[in-house]
Amino acid sequence: MEKAMDVEMEREGGGEEEEEETESVSDVLRDRFRLSTISIAEAEAKRNGMEISEPIVACISDLAFKYAEQLAKDLELFAQHASRKIVKMEDVVLSGPTLLLGPDTARGRMHVSVVSCGP
């Protein structure tokens, strides 16, 4: 009986460590994504002979990350709806109109929303 309790306590403690590790990995991925987005935005501005301010670059980076997060969530939902654990190309194709034009697109109405940047 005592061993069972020890095993259960280890599982509970391991869950917290696993959650912290997942958050750490998510933070690293978010930071790398944002750095890549900033690099791309700055390179495109330079290529087109333009200057781009830091707040604009930060806004572009935040919007791109939010878009990628929503895409990942939508793809996961489409795969789950089809009783699959793997995302297929058809899920990506199905998510396109929703992400580009908003959720009302599927019901025949075009909806464009304004997204704010920053805190």
PDB file of N, CA and C in Angstrom:
ATOM      1  N   MET A   1       0.824  -1.197   0.000  1.00  0.00           N
ATOM      2  CA  MET A   1       0.000   0.000   0.000  1.00  0.00           C
ATOM      3  C   MET A   1       0.867   1.261   0.000  1.00  0.00           C
ATOM      4  N   GLU A   2       1.921   1.240   0.812  1.00  0.00           N
ATOM      5  CA  GLU A   2       2.804   2.383   0.906  1.00  0.00           C
ATOM      6  C   GLU A   2       3.517   2.654  -0.419  1.00  0.00           C
ATOM      7  N   LYS A   3       3.905   1.574  -1.109  1.00  0.00           N
ATOM      8  CA  LYS A   3       4.574   1.717  -2.399  1.00  0.00           C
ATOM      9  C   LYS A   3       3.646   2.366  -3.418  1.00  0.00           C
ATOM     10  N   ALA A   4       2.383   1.977  -3.380  1.00  0.00           N
ATOM     11  CA  ALA A   4       1.408   2.557  -4.309  1.00  0.00           C
ATOM     12  C   ALA A   4       1.274   4.056  -4.085  1.00  0.00           C
ATOM     13  N   MET A   5       1.276   4.469  -2.824  1.00  0.00           N
ATOM     14  CA  MET A   5       1.176   5.904  -2.521  1.00  0.00           C
ATOM     15  C   MET A   5       2.422   6.644  -3.002  1.00  0.00           C
ATOM     16  N   ASP A   6       3.603   6.019  -2.822  1.00  0.00           N
ATOM     17  CA  ASP A   6       4.848   6.636  -3.286  1.00  0.00           C
ATOM     18  C   ASP A   6       4.836   6.811  -4.802  1.00  0.00           C
ATOM     19  N   VAL A   7       4.369   5.784  -5.509  1.00  0.00           N
ATOM     20  CA  VAL A   7       4.302   5.851  -6.971  1.00  0.00           C
ATOM     21  C   VAL A   7       3.352   6.956  -7.399  1.00  0.00           C
ATOM     22  N   GLU A   8       2.198   7.064  -6.718  1.00  0.00           N
ATOM     23  CA  GLU A   8       1.213   8.094  -7.057  1.00  0.00           C
ATOM     24  C   GLU A   8       1.786   9.491  -6.814  1.00  0.00           C
ATOM     25  N   MET A   9       2.512   9.662  -5.718  1.00  0.00           N
ATOM     26  CA  MET A   9       3.114  10.963  -5.423  1.00  0.00           C
ATOM     27  C   MET A   9       4.171  11.315  -6.460  1.00  0.00           C
ATOM     28  N   GLU A  10       4.932  10.326  -6.917  1.00  0.00           N
ATOM     29  CA  GLU A  10       5.923  10.565  -7.957  1.00  0.00           C
ATOM     30  C   GLU A  10       5.261  11.001  -9.249  1.00  0.00           C
ATOM     31  N   ARG A  11       4.132  10.368  -9.564  1.00  0.00           N
ATOM     32  CA  ARG A  11       3.404  10.745 -10.787  1.00  0.00           C
ATOM     33  C   ARG A  11       2.938  12.181 -10.717  1.00  0.00           C
ATOM     34  N   GLU A  12       2.369  12.558  -9.562  1.00  0.00           N
ATOM     35  CA  GLU A  12       1.884  13.925  -9.417  1.00  0.00           C
ATOM     36  C   GLU A  12       3.017  14.928  -9.519  1.00  0.00           C
ATOM     37  N   GLY A  13       4.130  14.651  -8.868  1.00  0.00           N
ATOM     38  CA  GLY A  13       5.289  15.536  -8.925  1.00  0.00           C
ATOM     39  C   GLY A  13       5.861  15.603 -10.319  1.00  0.00           C
ATOM     40  N   GLY A  14       5.888  14.475 -11.016  1.00  0.00           N
ATOM     41  CA  GLY A  14       6.402  14.432 -12.378  1.00  0.00           C
ATOM     42  C   GLY A  14       5.554  15.248 -13.320  1.00  0.00           C
ATOM     43  N   GLY A  15       4.263  15.336 -13.036  1.00  0.00           N
ATOM     44  CA  GLY A  15       3.362  16.118 -13.881  1.00  0.00           C
ATOM     45  C   GLY A  15       3.714  17.589 -13.870  1.00  0.00           C
ATOM     46  N   GLU A  16       4.086  18.094 -12.690  1.00  0.00           N
ATOM     47  CA  GLU A  16       4.476  19.502 -12.586  1.00  0.00           C
ATOM     48  C   GLU A  16       5.762  19.767 -13.347  1.00  0.00           C
ATOM     49  N   GLU A  17       6.722  18.858 -13.213  1.00  0.00           N
ATOM     50  CA  GLU A  17       7.984  19.017 -13.931  1.00  0.00           C
ATOM     51  C   GLU A  17       7.752  18.968 -15.435  1.00  0.00           C
ATOM     52  N   GLU A  18       6.888  18.057 -15.866  1.00  0.00           N
ATOM     53  CA  GLU A  18       6.589  17.929 -17.292  1.00  0.00           C
ATOM     54  C   GLU A  18       5.916  19.188 -17.812  1.00  0.00           C
ATOM     55  N   GLU A  19       5.013  19.754 -17.005  1.00  0.00           N
ATOM     56  CA  GLU A  19       4.311  20.975 -17.409  1.00  0.00           C
ATOM     57  C   GLU A  19       5.288  22.140 -17.519  1.00  0.00           C
ATOM     58  N   GLU A  20       6.213  22.252 -16.567  1.00  0.00           N
ATOM     59  CA  GLU A  20       7.212  23.315 -16.617  1.00  0.00           C
ATOM     60  C   GLU A  20       8.119  23.151 -17.831  1.00  0.00           C
ATOM     61  N   GLU A  21       8.476  21.897 -18.142  1.00  0.00           N
ATOM     62  CA  GLU A  21       9.318  21.635 -19.307  1.00  0.00           C
ATOM     63  C   GLU A  21       8.588  22.007 -20.589  1.00  0.00           C
ATOM     64  N   THR A  22       7.301  21.686 -20.654  1.00  0.00           N
ATOM     65  CA  THR A  22       6.499  22.028 -21.827  1.00  0.00           C
ATOM     66  C   THR A  22       6.422  23.538 -21.994  1.00  0.00           C
ATOM     67  N   GLU A  23       6.220  24.261 -20.888  1.00  0.00           N
ATOM     68  CA  GLU A  23       6.174  25.719 -20.953  1.00  0.00           C
ATOM     69  C   GLU A  23       7.517  26.277 -21.419  1.00  0.00           C
ATOM     70  N   SER A  24       8.601  25.690 -20.926  1.00  0.00           N
ATOM     71  CA  SER A  24       9.937  26.142 -21.316  1.00  0.00           C
ATOM     72  C   SER A  24      10.159  25.938 -22.808  1.00  0.00           C
ATOM     73  N   VAL A  25       9.761  24.789 -23.313  1.00  0.00           N
ATOM     74  CA  VAL A  25       9.898  24.507 -24.744  1.00  0.00           C
ATOM     75  C   VAL A  25       9.037  25.478 -25.548  1.00  0.00           C
ATOM     76  N   SER A  26       7.830  25.743 -25.071  1.00  0.00           N
ATOM     77  CA  SER A  26       6.942  26.691 -25.753  1.00  0.00           C
ATOM     78  C   SER A  26       7.548  28.089 -25.789  1.00  0.00           C
ATOM     79  N   ASP A  27       8.156  28.498 -24.691  1.00  0.00           N
ATOM     80  CA  ASP A  27       8.789  29.814 -24.643  1.00  0.00           C
ATOM     81  C   ASP A  27       9.929  29.914 -25.648  1.00  0.00           C
ATOM     82  N   VAL A  28      10.738  28.860 -25.725  1.00  0.00           N
ATOM     83  CA  VAL A  28      11.862  28.850 -26.666  1.00  0.00           C
ATOM     84  C   VAL A  28      11.349  28.909 -28.106  1.00  0.00           C
ATOM     85  N   LEU A  29      10.316  28.103 -28.408  1.00  0.00           N
ATOM     86  CA  LEU A  29       9.750  28.113 -29.757  1.00  0.00           C
ATOM     87  C   LEU A  29       9.175  29.478 -30.105  1.00  0.00           C
ATOM     88  N   ARG A  30       8.448  30.083 -29.152  1.00  0.00           N
ATOM     89  CA  ARG A  30       7.870  31.408 -29.384  1.00  0.00           C
ATOM     90  C   ARG A  30       8.966  32.429 -29.667  1.00  0.00           C
ATOM     91  N   ASP A  31      10.024  32.404 -28.854  1.00  0.00           N
ATOM     92  CA  ASP A  31      11.111  33.364 -29.040  1.00  0.00           C
ATOM     93  C   ASP A  31      11.811  33.167 -30.381  1.00  0.00           C
ATOM     94  N   ARG A  32      12.055  31.924 -30.755  1.00  0.00           N
ATOM     95  CA  ARG A  32      12.705  31.650 -32.047  1.00  0.00           C
ATOM     96  C   ARG A  32      11.822  32.063 -33.207  1.00  0.00           C
ATOM     97  N   PHE A  33      10.517  31.812 -33.074  1.00  0.00           N
ATOM     98  CA  PHE A  33       9.579  32.213 -34.121  1.00  0.00           C
ATOM     99  C   PHE A  33       9.605  33.726 -34.283  1.00  0.00           C
ATOM    100  N   ARG A  34       9.551  34.428 -33.170  1.00  0.00           N
ATOM    101  CA  ARG A  34       9.545  35.885 -33.224  1.00  0.00           C
ATOM    102  C   ARG A  34      10.844  36.430 -33.805  1.00  0.00           C
ATOM    103  N   LEU A  35      11.966  35.846 -33.417  1.00  0.00           N
ATOM    104  CA  LEU A  35      13.246  36.293 -33.989  1.00  0.00           C
ATOM    105  C   LEU A  35      13.283  36.075 -35.496  1.00  0.00           C
ATOM    106  N   SER A  36      12.770  34.948 -35.929  1.00  0.00           N
ATOM    107  CA  SER A  36      12.732  34.672 -37.375  1.00  0.00           C
ATOM    108  C   SER A  36      11.833  35.665 -38.090  1.00  0.00           C
ATOM    109  N   THR A  37      10.693  35.959 -37.511  1.00  0.00           N
ATOM    110  CA  THR A  37       9.758  36.906 -38.109  1.00  0.00           C
ATOM    111  C   THR A  37      10.375  38.297 -38.197  1.00  0.00           C
ATOM    112  N   ILE A  38      11.050  38.702 -37.142  1.00  0.00           N
ATOM    113  CA  ILE A  38      11.712  40.011 -37.133  1.00  0.00           C
ATOM    114  C   ILE A  38      12.777  40.063 -38.219  1.00  0.00           C
ATOM    115  N   SER A  39      13.543  39.010 -38.330  1.00  0.00           N
ATOM    116  CA  SER A  39      14.594  38.943 -39.346  1.00  0.00           C
ATOM    117  C   SER A  39      14.008  39.051 -40.754  1.00  0.00           C
ATOM    118  N   ILE A  40      12.920  38.351 -40.994  1.00  0.00           N
ATOM    119  CA  ILE A  40      12.268  38.388 -42.308  1.00  0.00           C
ATOM    120  C   ILE A  40      11.720  39.788 -42.595  1.00  0.00           C
ATOM    121  N   ALA A  41      11.044  40.391 -41.616  1.00  0.00           N
ATOM    122  CA  ALA A  41      10.474  41.723 -41.814  1.00  0.00           C
ATOM    123  C   ALA A  41      11.562  42.747 -42.116  1.00  0.00           C
ATOM    124  N   GLU A  42      12.659  42.682 -41.360  1.00  0.00           N
ATOM    125  CA  GLU A  42      13.755  43.624 -41.586  1.00  0.00           C
ATOM    126  C   GLU A  42      14.416  43.394 -42.946  1.00  0.00           C
ATOM    127  N   ALA A  43      14.586  42.139 -43.336  1.00  0.00           N
ATOM    128  CA  ALA A  43      15.194  41.830 -44.636  1.00  0.00           C
ATOM    129  C   ALA A  43      14.314  42.321 -45.782  1.00  0.00           C
ATOM    130  N   GLU A  44      13.006  42.140 -45.654  1.00  0.00           N
ATOM    131  CA  GLU A  44      12.086  42.594 -46.705  1.00  0.00           C
ATOM    132  C   GLU A  44      12.064  44.114 -46.793  1.00  0.00           C
ATOM    133  N   ALA A  45      12.106  44.774 -45.650  1.00  0.00           N
ATOM    134  CA  ALA A  45      12.141  46.238 -45.664  1.00  0.00           C
ATOM    135  C   ALA A  45      13.414  46.719 -46.354  1.00  0.00           C
ATOM    136  N   LYS A  46      14.531  46.119 -46.024  1.00  0.00           N
ATOM    137  CA  LYS A  46      15.805  46.497 -46.628  1.00  0.00           C
ATOM    138  C   LYS A  46      15.795  46.219 -48.132  1.00  0.00           C
ATOM    139  N   ARG A  47      15.264  45.063 -48.510  1.00  0.00           N
ATOM    140  CA  ARG A  47      15.211  44.677 -49.925  1.00  0.00           C
ATOM    141  C   ARG A  47      14.393  45.673 -50.745  1.00  0.00           C
ATOM    142  N   ASN A  48      13.376  46.242 -50.115  1.00  0.00           N
ATOM    143  CA  ASN A  48      12.505  47.199 -50.805  1.00  0.00           C
ATOM    144  C   ASN A  48      12.906  48.648 -50.563  1.00  0.00           C
ATOM    145  N   GLY A  49      14.080  48.841 -49.961  1.00  0.00           N
ATOM    146  CA  GLY A  49      14.575  50.196 -49.740  1.00  0.00           C
ATOM    147  C   GLY A  49      13.754  50.980 -48.747  1.00  0.00           C
ATOM    148  N   MET A  50      13.231  50.318 -47.756  1.00  0.00           N
ATOM    149  CA  MET A  50      12.384  50.969 -46.757  1.00  0.00           C
ATOM    150  C   MET A  50      13.009  50.831 -45.377  1.00  0.00           C
ATOM    151  N   GLU A  51      12.563  51.672 -44.485  1.00  0.00           N
ATOM    152  CA  GLU A  51      12.928  51.538 -43.083  1.00  0.00           C
ATOM    153  C   GLU A  51      11.693  51.060 -42.335  1.00  0.00           C
ATOM    154  N   ILE A  52      11.937  50.313 -41.278  1.00  0.00           N
ATOM    155  CA  ILE A  52      10.813  49.802 -40.494  1.00  0.00           C
ATOM    156  C   ILE A  52      11.131  50.018 -39.018  1.00  0.00           C
ATOM    157  N   SER A  53      10.189  50.600 -38.302  1.00  0.00           N
ATOM    158  CA  SER A  53      10.436  50.923 -36.896  1.00  0.00           C
ATOM    159  C   SER A  53      10.284  49.692 -36.004  1.00  0.00           C
ATOM    160  N   GLU A  54      10.920  49.748 -34.841  1.00  0.00           N
ATOM    161  CA  GLU A  54      10.862  48.623 -33.904  1.00  0.00           C
ATOM    162  C   GLU A  54       9.437  48.264 -33.486  1.00  0.00           C
ATOM    163  N   PRO A  55       8.584  49.257 -33.174  1.00  0.00           N
ATOM    164  CA  PRO A  55       7.216  48.890 -32.783  1.00  0.00           C
ATOM    165  C   PRO A  55       6.458  48.151 -33.893  1.00  0.00           C
ATOM    166  N   ILE A  56       6.705  48.535 -35.129  1.00  0.00           N
ATOM    167  CA  ILE A  56       6.040  47.864 -36.253  1.00  0.00           C
ATOM    168  C   ILE A  56       6.557  46.447 -36.401  1.00  0.00           C
ATOM    169  N   VAL A  57       7.868  46.268 -36.277  1.00  0.00           N
ATOM    170  CA  VAL A  57       8.456  44.931 -36.371  1.00  0.00           C
ATOM    171  C   VAL A  57       7.904  44.047 -35.251  1.00  0.00           C
ATOM    172  N   ALA A  58       7.807  44.595 -34.046  1.00  0.00           N
ATOM    173  CA  ALA A  58       7.269  43.836 -32.912  1.00  0.00           C
ATOM    174  C   ALA A  58       5.804  43.462 -33.158  1.00  0.00           C
ATOM    175  N   CYS A  59       5.047  44.389 -33.730  1.00  0.00           N
ATOM    176  CA  CYS A  59       3.636  44.128 -34.036  1.00  0.00           C
ATOM    177  C   CYS A  59       3.505  43.015 -35.077  1.00  0.00           C
ATOM    178  N   ILE A  60       4.297  43.101 -36.127  1.00  0.00           N
ATOM    179  CA  ILE A  60       4.274  42.070 -37.167  1.00  0.00           C
ATOM    180  C   ILE A  60       4.622  40.712 -36.562  1.00  0.00           C
ATOM    181  N   SER A  61       5.630  40.705 -35.715  1.00  0.00           N
ATOM    182  CA  SER A  61       6.060  39.470 -35.069  1.00  0.00           C
ATOM    183  C   SER A  61       4.951  38.881 -34.203  1.00  0.00           C
ATOM    184  N   ASP A  62       4.290  39.715 -33.400  1.00  0.00           N
ATOM    185  CA  ASP A  62       3.199  39.248 -32.541  1.00  0.00           C
ATOM    186  C   ASP A  62       2.035  38.714 -33.363  1.00  0.00           C
ATOM    187  N   LEU A  63       1.673  39.441 -34.416  1.00  0.00           N
ATOM    188  CA  LEU A  63       0.564  39.002 -35.258  1.00  0.00           C
ATOM    189  C   LEU A  63       0.872  37.670 -35.947  1.00  0.00           C
ATOM    190  N   ALA A  64       2.092  37.525 -36.441  1.00  0.00           N
ATOM    191  CA  ALA A  64       2.485  36.281 -37.099  1.00  0.00           C
ATOM    192  C   ALA A  64       2.439  35.114 -36.117  1.00  0.00           C
ATOM    193  N   PHE A  65       2.889  35.350 -34.893  1.00  0.00           N
ATOM    194  CA  PHE A  65       2.869  34.285 -33.886  1.00  0.00           C
ATOM    195  C   PHE A  65       1.432  33.908 -33.534  1.00  0.00           C
ATOM    196  N   LYS A  66       0.566  34.905 -33.361  1.00  0.00           N
ATOM    197  CA  LYS A  66      -0.837  34.621 -33.050  1.00  0.00           C
ATOM    198  C   LYS A  66      -1.498  33.853 -34.193  1.00  0.00           C
ATOM    199  N   TYR A  67      -1.171  34.220 -35.412  1.00  0.00           N
ATOM    200  CA  TYR A  67      -1.698  33.521 -36.590  1.00  0.00           C
ATOM    201  C   TYR A  67      -1.252  32.059 -36.584  1.00  0.00           C
ATOM    202  N   ALA A  68       0.039  31.837 -36.323  1.00  0.00           N
ATOM    203  CA  ALA A  68       0.564  30.467 -36.292  1.00  0.00           C
ATOM    204  C   ALA A  68      -0.063  29.645 -35.175  1.00  0.00           C
ATOM    205  N   GLU A  69      -0.274  30.265 -34.020  1.00  0.00           N
ATOM    206  CA  GLU A  69      -0.931  29.566 -32.904  1.00  0.00           C
ATOM    207  C   GLU A  69      -2.352  29.152 -33.286  1.00  0.00           C
ATOM    208  N   GLN A  70      -3.092  30.079 -33.885  1.00  0.00           N
ATOM    209  CA  GLN A  70      -4.471  29.781 -34.267  1.00  0.00           C
ATOM    210  C   GLN A  70      -4.509  28.712 -35.344  1.00  0.00           C
ATOM    211  N   LEU A  71      -3.595  28.769 -36.290  1.00  0.00           N
ATOM    212  CA  LEU A  71      -3.514  27.753 -37.332  1.00  0.00           C
ATOM    213  C   LEU A  71      -3.273  26.378 -36.713  1.00  0.00           C
ATOM    214  N   ALA A  72      -2.348  26.299 -35.768  1.00  0.00           N
ATOM    215  CA  ALA A  72      -2.054  25.021 -35.113  1.00  0.00           C
ATOM    216  C   ALA A  72      -3.277  24.484 -34.382  1.00  0.00           C
ATOM    217  N   LYS A  73      -4.005  25.357 -33.692  1.00  0.00           N
ATOM    218  CA  LYS A  73      -5.216  24.931 -32.972  1.00  0.00           C
ATOM    219  C   LYS A  73      -6.281  24.438 -33.950  1.00  0.00           C
ATOM    220  N   ASP A  74      -6.478  25.180 -35.038  1.00  0.00           N
ATOM    221  CA  ASP A  74      -7.477  24.790 -36.032  1.00  0.00           C
ATOM    222  C   ASP A  74      -7.123  23.454 -36.682  1.00  0.00           C
ATOM    223  N   LEU A  75      -5.847  23.283 -37.008  1.00  0.00           N
ATOM    224  CA  LEU A  75      -5.420  22.029 -37.630  1.00  0.00           C
ATOM    225  C   LEU A  75      -5.634  20.850 -36.685  1.00  0.00           C
ATOM    226  N   GLU A  76      -5.348  21.058 -35.430  1.00  0.00           N
ATOM    227  CA  GLU A  76      -5.568  20.000 -34.441  1.00  0.00           C
ATOM    228  C   GLU A  76      -7.057  19.653 -34.356  1.00  0.00           C
ATOM    229  N   LEU A  77      -7.919  20.667 -34.347  1.00  0.00           N
ATOM    230  CA  LEU A  77      -9.362  20.427 -34.288  1.00  0.00           C
ATOM    231  C   LEU A  77      -9.883  19.696 -35.523  1.00  0.00           C
ATOM    232  N   PHE A  78      -9.402  20.088 -36.709  1.00  0.00           N
ATOM    233  CA  PHE A  78      -9.827  19.406 -37.932  1.00  0.00           C
ATOM    234  C   PHE A  78      -9.420  17.938 -37.904  1.00  0.00           C
ATOM    235  N   ALA A  79      -8.196  17.660 -37.467  1.00  0.00           N
ATOM    236  CA  ALA A  79      -7.729  16.275 -37.388  1.00  0.00           C
ATOM    237  C   ALA A  79      -8.546  15.489 -36.362  1.00  0.00           C
ATOM    238  N   GLN A  80      -8.813  16.091 -35.204  1.00  0.00           N
ATOM    239  CA  GLN A  80      -9.621  15.416 -34.182  1.00  0.00           C
ATOM    240  C   GLN A  80     -11.027  15.141 -34.692  1.00  0.00           C
ATOM    241  N   HIS A  81     -11.586  16.094 -35.395  1.00  0.00           N
ATOM    242  CA  HIS A  81     -12.937  15.918 -35.934  1.00  0.00           C
ATOM    243  C   HIS A  81     -13.000  14.723 -36.881  1.00  0.00           C
ATOM    244  N   ALA A  82     -11.910  14.475 -37.589  1.00  0.00           N
ATOM    245  CA  ALA A  82     -11.838  13.338 -38.508  1.00  0.00           C
ATOM    246  C   ALA A  82     -11.341  12.074 -37.800  1.00  0.00           C
ATOM    247  N   SER A  83     -11.293  12.120 -36.473  1.00  0.00           N
ATOM    248  CA  SER A  83     -10.833  10.988 -35.653  1.00  0.00           C
ATOM    249  C   SER A  83      -9.407  10.566 -36.001  1.00  0.00           C
ATOM    250  N   ARG A  84      -8.559  11.561 -36.209  1.00  0.00           N
ATOM    251  CA  ARG A  84      -7.156  11.298 -36.511  1.00  0.00           C
ATOM    252  C   ARG A  84      -6.282  12.008 -35.502  1.00  0.00           C
ATOM    253  N   LYS A  85      -5.079  11.501 -35.327  1.00  0.00           N
ATOM    254  CA  LYS A  85      -4.093  12.156 -34.476  1.00  0.00           C
ATOM    255  C   LYS A  85      -3.047  12.880 -35.315  1.00  0.00           C
ATOM    256  N   ILE A  86      -3.124  12.719 -36.613  1.00  0.00           N
ATOM    257  CA  ILE A  86      -2.158  13.313 -37.530  1.00  0.00           C
ATOM    258  C   ILE A  86      -2.864  14.329 -38.420  1.00  0.00           C
ATOM    259  N   VAL A  87      -2.239  15.495 -38.569  1.00  0.00           N
ATOM    260  CA  VAL A  87      -2.767  16.541 -39.439  1.00  0.00           C
ATOM    261  C   VAL A  87      -2.417  16.199 -40.875  1.00  0.00           C
ATOM    262  N   LYS A  88      -3.410  16.308 -41.761  1.00  0.00           N
ATOM    263  CA  LYS A  88      -3.184  16.046 -43.183  1.00  0.00           C
ATOM    264  C   LYS A  88      -3.344  17.343 -43.976  1.00  0.00           C
ATOM    265  N   MET A  89      -2.935  17.286 -45.223  1.00  0.00           N
ATOM    266  CA  MET A  89      -3.020  18.461 -46.087  1.00  0.00           C
ATOM    267  C   MET A  89      -4.460  18.963 -46.189  1.00  0.00           C
ATOM    268  N   GLU A  90      -5.424  18.070 -46.197  1.00  0.00           N
ATOM    269  CA  GLU A  90      -6.828  18.495 -46.292  1.00  0.00           C
ATOM    270  C   GLU A  90      -7.224  19.370 -45.099  1.00  0.00           C
ATOM    271  N   ASP A  91      -6.620  19.142 -43.931  1.00  0.00           N
ATOM    272  CA  ASP A  91      -6.891  19.987 -42.771  1.00  0.00           C
ATOM    273  C   ASP A  91      -6.362  21.396 -43.009  1.00  0.00           C
ATOM    274  N   VAL A  92      -5.194  21.481 -43.617  1.00  0.00           N
ATOM    275  CA  VAL A  92      -4.601  22.785 -43.919  1.00  0.00           C
ATOM    276  C   VAL A  92      -5.481  23.534 -44.918  1.00  0.00           C
ATOM    277  N   VAL A  93      -5.946  22.836 -45.942  1.00  0.00           N
ATOM    278  CA  VAL A  93      -6.799  23.443 -46.958  1.00  0.00           C
ATOM    279  C   VAL A  93      -8.114  23.919 -46.333  1.00  0.00           C
ATOM    280  N   LEU A  94      -8.692  23.098 -45.455  1.00  0.00           N
ATOM    281  CA  LEU A  94      -9.947  23.478 -44.804  1.00  0.00           C
ATOM    282  C   LEU A  94      -9.788  24.685 -43.883  1.00  0.00           C
ATOM    283  N   SER A  95      -8.624  24.840 -43.282  1.00  0.00           N
ATOM    284  CA  SER A  95      -8.424  25.940 -42.340  1.00  0.00           C
ATOM    285  C   SER A  95      -8.192  27.274 -43.053  1.00  0.00           C
ATOM    286  N   GLY A  96      -7.840  27.259 -44.309  1.00  0.00           N
ATOM    287  CA  GLY A  96      -7.510  28.466 -45.048  1.00  0.00           C
ATOM    288  C   GLY A  96      -8.529  29.582 -44.984  1.00  0.00           C
ATOM    289  N   PRO A  97      -9.772  29.359 -45.408  1.00  0.00           N
ATOM    290  CA  PRO A  97     -10.753  30.456 -45.405  1.00  0.00           C
ATOM    291  C   PRO A  97     -11.028  31.007 -44.023  1.00  0.00           C
ATOM    292  N   THR A  98     -11.035  30.177 -43.019  1.00  0.00           N
ATOM    293  CA  THR A  98     -11.313  30.628 -41.663  1.00  0.00           C
ATOM    294  C   THR A  98     -10.221  31.558 -41.174  1.00  0.00           C
ATOM    295  N   LEU A  99      -8.988  31.202 -41.423  1.00  0.00           N
ATOM    296  CA  LEU A  99      -7.875  32.021 -40.943  1.00  0.00           C
ATOM    297  C   LEU A  99      -7.729  33.315 -41.729  1.00  0.00           C
ATOM    298  N   LEU A 100      -7.937  33.260 -43.015  1.00  0.00           N
ATOM    299  CA  LEU A 100      -7.706  34.441 -43.834  1.00  0.00           C
ATOM    300  C   LEU A 100      -8.827  35.464 -43.737  1.00  0.00           C
ATOM    301  N   LEU A 101     -10.050  34.998 -43.657  1.00  0.00           N
ATOM    302  CA  LEU A 101     -11.175  35.929 -43.712  1.00  0.00           C
ATOM    303  C   LEU A 101     -12.019  35.971 -42.447  1.00  0.00           C
ATOM    304  N   GLY A 102     -11.744  35.116 -41.489  1.00  0.00           N
ATOM    305  CA  GLY A 102     -12.496  35.111 -40.241  1.00  0.00           C
ATOM    306  C   GLY A 102     -13.505  33.985 -40.207  1.00  0.00           C
ATOM    307  N   PRO A 103     -14.006  33.661 -39.015  1.00  0.00           N
ATOM    308  CA  PRO A 103     -14.889  32.523 -38.834  1.00  0.00           C
ATOM    309  C   PRO A 103     -16.232  32.641 -39.545  1.00  0.00           C
ATOM    310  N   ASP A 104     -16.677  33.848 -39.852  1.00  0.00           N
ATOM    311  CA  ASP A 104     -17.976  34.017 -40.514  1.00  0.00           C
ATOM    312  C   ASP A 104     -17.931  33.640 -41.987  1.00  0.00           C
ATOM    313  N   THR A 105     -16.739  33.458 -42.544  1.00  0.00           N
ATOM    314  CA  THR A 105     -16.586  33.101 -43.953  1.00  0.00           C
ATOM    315  C   THR A 105     -17.289  31.794 -44.268  1.00  0.00           C
ATOM    316  N   ALA A 106     -17.178  30.845 -43.361  1.00  0.00           N
ATOM    317  CA  ALA A 106     -17.783  29.531 -43.575  1.00  0.00           C
ATOM    318  C   ALA A 106     -19.297  29.629 -43.689  1.00  0.00           C
ATOM    319  N   ARG A 107     -19.882  30.683 -43.126  1.00  0.00           N
ATOM    320  CA  ARG A 107     -21.330  30.865 -43.198  1.00  0.00           C
ATOM    321  C   ARG A 107     -21.736  31.814 -44.318  1.00  0.00           C
ATOM    322  N   GLY A 108     -20.782  32.119 -45.197  1.00  0.00           N
ATOM    323  CA  GLY A 108     -21.114  32.922 -46.358  1.00  0.00           C
ATOM    324  C   GLY A 108     -20.938  34.415 -46.168  1.00  0.00           C
ATOM    325  N   ARG A 109     -20.455  34.854 -45.023  1.00  0.00           N
ATOM    326  CA  ARG A 109     -20.233  36.283 -44.803  1.00  0.00           C
ATOM    327  C   ARG A 109     -18.749  36.520 -44.637  1.00  0.00           C
ATOM    328  N   MET A 110     -18.261  37.546 -45.277  1.00  0.00           N
ATOM    329  CA  MET A 110     -16.857  37.876 -45.105  1.00  0.00           C
ATOM    330  C   MET A 110     -16.723  38.768 -43.886  1.00  0.00           C
ATOM    331  N   HIS A 111     -15.805  38.401 -43.006  1.00  0.00           N
ATOM    332  CA  HIS A 111     -15.606  39.143 -41.774  1.00  0.00           C
ATOM    333  C   HIS A 111     -14.120  39.468 -41.650  1.00  0.00           C
ATOM    334  N   VAL A 112     -13.802  40.724 -41.553  1.00  0.00           N
ATOM    335  CA  VAL A 112     -12.417  41.128 -41.368  1.00  0.00           C
ATOM    336  C   VAL A 112     -12.341  41.808 -40.010  1.00  0.00           C
ATOM    337  N   SER A 113     -11.467  41.311 -39.152  1.00  0.00           N
ATOM    338  CA  SER A 113     -11.362  41.903 -37.826  1.00  0.00           C
ATOM    339  C   SER A 113     -10.064  42.672 -37.694  1.00  0.00           C
ATOM    340  N   VAL A 114     -10.098  43.680 -36.857  1.00  0.00           N
ATOM    341  CA  VAL A 114      -8.920  44.483 -36.587  1.00  0.00           C
ATOM    342  C   VAL A 114      -8.262  43.921 -35.344  1.00  0.00           C
ATOM    343  N   VAL A 115      -6.969  43.665 -35.444  1.00  0.00           N
ATOM    344  CA  VAL A 115      -6.236  43.110 -34.330  1.00  0.00           C
ATOM    345  C   VAL A 115      -5.263  44.145 -33.824  1.00  0.00           C
ATOM    346  N   SER A 116      -5.234  44.318 -32.514  1.00  0.00           N
ATOM    347  CA  SER A 116      -4.296  45.283 -31.960  1.00  0.00           C
ATOM    348  C   SER A 116      -3.005  44.596 -31.564  1.00  0.00           C
ATOM    349  N   CYS A 117      -1.948  45.344 -31.552  1.00  0.00           N
ATOM    350  CA  CYS A 117      -0.632  44.815 -31.187  1.00  0.00           C
ATOM    351  C   CYS A 117      -0.232  45.378 -29.841  1.00  0.00           C
ATOM    352  N   GLY A 118       0.624  44.659 -29.200  1.00  0.00           N
ATOM    353  CA  GLY A 118       1.164  45.126 -27.935  1.00  0.00           C
ATOM    354  C   GLY A 118       0.347  44.659 -26.763  1.00  0.00           C
ATOM    355  N   PRO A 119       0.682  45.158 -25.590  1.00  0.00           N
ATOM    356  CA  PRO A 119       0.002  44.694 -24.366  1.00  0.00           C
ATOM    357  C   PRO A 119      -1.413  45.155 -24.242  1.00  0.00           C
TER     358      PRO A 119
END
